[in-house]
Amino acid sequence: MKDAHAIVGIATLGLNALAAVWGGIAWMRRDPSVSFWYVLRVAQLSVVVSVALGLVRVAAGARPPDNLHYVYGVAPLVIALVTEAMRADAARREVDAVEGDPEALPHREKVLLARRVVVREIGIMTVGVILVVTLLLRAWQSGG
């Protein structure tokens, strides 16, 4: 079980690093990348799987050499939830910034608004996934 957790942990770190780079590039280019969201969701799922394997190991009596490993291992779930909430709020703020009814905007303006919303969401989620990568690196270091 230890090897499975280690392998999934390394894959989780790699997937989240990929999502961070992908999101950073998309955000800098102001590209509303659809594929970023798939990479991000797979990376987030890998965090859930890694935490679940860690909990199975704890239930079986395994303990990491550093108790902070628990914090660094579970905190990415919290970061994901917080960034999802921030993402929803950013979309609302972008729409609220429109004067008048957003539905009354001409088609081109609606498309530009949607693009701004998605690019802002990508930026927020990228910052979150960079934090996740940092925490996962620390979890790996503290896991021994």
Protein backbone atom coordinates (compact mmCIF):
# COMPACT_ATOMS: atom_id res chain seq x y z
CA MET A 1 0.00 0.00 0.00
CA LYS A 2 2.90 2.34 0.74
CA ASP A 3 4.20 1.97 -2.82
CA ALA A 4 0.75 2.63 -4.31
CA HIS A 5 0.38 5.77 -2.21
CA ALA A 6 3.85 6.94 -3.25
CA ILE A 7 3.18 6.30 -6.94
CA VAL A 8 -0.21 8.05 -6.83
CA GLY A 9 1.39 10.89 -4.86
CA ILE A 10 4.06 11.42 -7.52
CA ALA A 11 1.41 11.25 -10.26
CA THR A 12 -0.69 13.75 -8.31
CA LEU A 13 2.25 16.12 -8.04
CA GLY A 14 2.95 15.78 -11.77
CA LEU A 15 -0.68 16.28 -12.80
CA ASN A 16 -1.05 19.35 -10.63
CA ALA A 17 2.23 20.79 -11.91
CA LEU A 18 0.97 20.23 -15.46
CA ALA A 19 -2.30 22.00 -14.61
CA ALA A 20 -0.35 24.90 -13.07
CA VAL A 21 1.83 25.35 -16.14
CA TRP A 22 -1.09 24.90 -18.55
CA GLY A 23 -3.22 27.38 -16.63
CA GLY A 24 -0.39 29.88 -16.31
CA ILE A 25 0.22 29.84 -20.04
CA ALA A 26 -3.50 30.09 -20.85
CA TRP A 27 -3.93 32.97 -18.40
CA MET A 28 -0.90 34.90 -19.70
CA ARG A 29 -2.12 34.47 -23.28
CA ARG A 30 -5.67 35.37 -22.23
CA ASP A 31 -6.72 32.10 -23.86
CA PRO A 32 -10.00 30.64 -22.55
CA SER A 33 -8.55 27.14 -22.85
CA VAL A 34 -11.17 24.40 -22.70
CA SER A 35 -8.51 21.72 -22.30
CA PHE A 36 -7.17 23.40 -19.15
CA TRP A 37 -10.37 22.49 -17.33
CA TYR A 38 -10.01 18.80 -18.20
CA VAL A 39 -6.39 18.78 -17.01
CA LEU A 40 -7.39 20.64 -13.84
CA ARG A 41 -10.24 18.24 -13.04
CA VAL A 42 -8.00 15.20 -13.53
CA ALA A 43 -5.41 16.83 -11.26
CA GLN A 44 -8.07 17.52 -8.63
CA LEU A 45 -9.33 13.95 -8.86
CA SER A 46 -5.79 12.69 -8.35
CA VAL A 47 -5.64 14.67 -5.09
CA VAL A 48 -8.82 12.98 -3.89
CA VAL A 49 -7.42 9.54 -4.78
CA SER A 50 -4.12 10.29 -3.06
CA VAL A 51 -5.85 11.49 0.11
CA ALA A 52 -8.11 8.42 0.08
CA LEU A 53 -5.10 6.11 -0.21
CA GLY A 54 -3.42 8.00 2.62
CA LEU A 55 -6.49 7.58 4.81
CA VAL A 56 -6.55 3.86 4.04
CA ARG A 57 -2.90 3.65 5.11
CA VAL A 58 -3.66 5.54 8.33
CA ALA A 59 -6.60 3.21 9.03
CA ALA A 60 -4.21 0.29 8.55
CA GLY A 61 -1.87 1.74 11.18
CA ALA A 62 0.77 3.41 8.99
CA ARG A 63 2.20 6.70 10.18
CA PRO A 64 4.45 9.16 8.29
CA PRO A 65 7.69 10.23 9.96
CA ASP A 66 6.41 13.83 10.11
CA ASN A 67 2.91 14.60 11.42
CA LEU A 68 2.77 17.68 9.20
CA HIS A 69 2.39 15.24 6.31
CA TYR A 70 -1.29 15.01 7.21
CA VAL A 71 -1.74 18.78 6.92
CA TYR A 72 0.21 19.02 3.67
CA GLY A 73 -1.65 16.04 2.26
CA VAL A 74 -5.20 17.16 3.08
CA ALA A 75 -4.78 20.93 2.60
CA PRO A 76 -4.98 20.64 -1.22
CA LEU A 77 -8.61 19.57 -0.82
CA VAL A 78 -9.30 22.73 1.15
CA ILE A 79 -7.47 24.84 -1.44
CA ALA A 80 -9.59 23.28 -4.22
CA LEU A 81 -12.81 24.13 -2.40
CA VAL A 82 -11.73 27.69 -1.64
CA THR A 83 -10.59 28.38 -5.20
CA GLU A 84 -13.85 26.97 -6.59
CA ALA A 85 -15.75 29.43 -4.38
CA MET A 86 -13.47 32.27 -5.47
CA ARG A 87 -13.98 31.28 -9.11
CA ALA A 88 -17.75 31.49 -8.76
CA ASP A 89 -17.46 34.88 -7.08
CA ALA A 90 -15.16 36.18 -9.82
CA ALA A 91 -17.70 35.24 -12.48
CA ARG A 92 -20.42 37.05 -10.54
CA ARG A 93 -18.25 40.15 -10.16
CA GLU A 94 -17.45 40.23 -13.87
CA VAL A 95 -21.14 40.02 -14.76
CA ASP A 96 -22.07 42.59 -12.10
CA ALA A 97 -19.55 45.02 -13.63
CA VAL A 98 -21.66 45.15 -16.79
CA GLU A 99 -23.88 48.21 -16.89
CA GLY A 100 -27.47 47.17 -17.45
CA ASP A 101 -28.76 43.71 -18.25
CA PRO A 102 -26.04 41.34 -19.52
CA GLU A 103 -28.70 39.50 -21.55
CA ALA A 104 -29.40 42.72 -23.46
CA LEU A 105 -25.79 43.01 -24.66
CA PRO A 106 -25.05 42.51 -28.34
CA HIS A 107 -23.77 39.02 -29.19
CA ARG A 108 -20.15 40.19 -29.57
CA GLU A 109 -20.22 41.84 -26.14
CA LYS A 110 -21.65 38.67 -24.58
CA VAL A 111 -18.84 36.63 -26.12
CA LEU A 112 -16.23 39.08 -24.84
CA LEU A 113 -17.81 39.01 -21.37
CA ALA A 114 -17.77 35.22 -21.34
CA ARG A 115 -14.13 35.25 -22.42
CA ARG A 116 -13.21 37.66 -19.60
CA VAL A 117 -15.03 35.47 -17.09
CA VAL A 118 -13.27 32.29 -18.21
CA VAL A 119 -9.82 33.91 -18.32
CA ARG A 120 -10.33 35.31 -14.82
CA GLU A 121 -11.47 31.87 -13.59
CA ILE A 122 -8.41 30.25 -15.15
CA GLY A 123 -6.19 32.74 -13.31
CA ILE A 124 -7.83 31.99 -9.98
CA MET A 125 -7.70 28.24 -10.44
CA THR A 126 -4.08 28.44 -11.58
CA VAL A 127 -3.07 30.27 -8.41
CA GLY A 128 -4.90 27.59 -6.44
CA VAL A 129 -3.20 24.75 -8.23
CA ILE A 130 0.20 26.41 -7.73
CA LEU A 131 -0.56 26.40 -3.99
CA VAL A 132 -1.56 22.74 -4.29
CA VAL A 133 1.74 21.90 -5.99
CA THR A 134 3.62 23.66 -3.19
CA LEU A 135 1.71 21.71 -0.55
CA LEU A 136 2.20 18.43 -2.41
CA LEU A 137 5.94 19.05 -2.62
CA ARG A 138 5.99 19.57 1.13
CA ALA A 139 3.85 16.46 1.67
CA TRP A 140 6.31 14.46 -0.41
CA GLN A 141 9.24 15.84 1.62
CA SER A 142 7.55 15.14 4.94
CA GLY A 143 6.37 11.67 3.93
CA GLY A 144 9.79 10.16 4.05
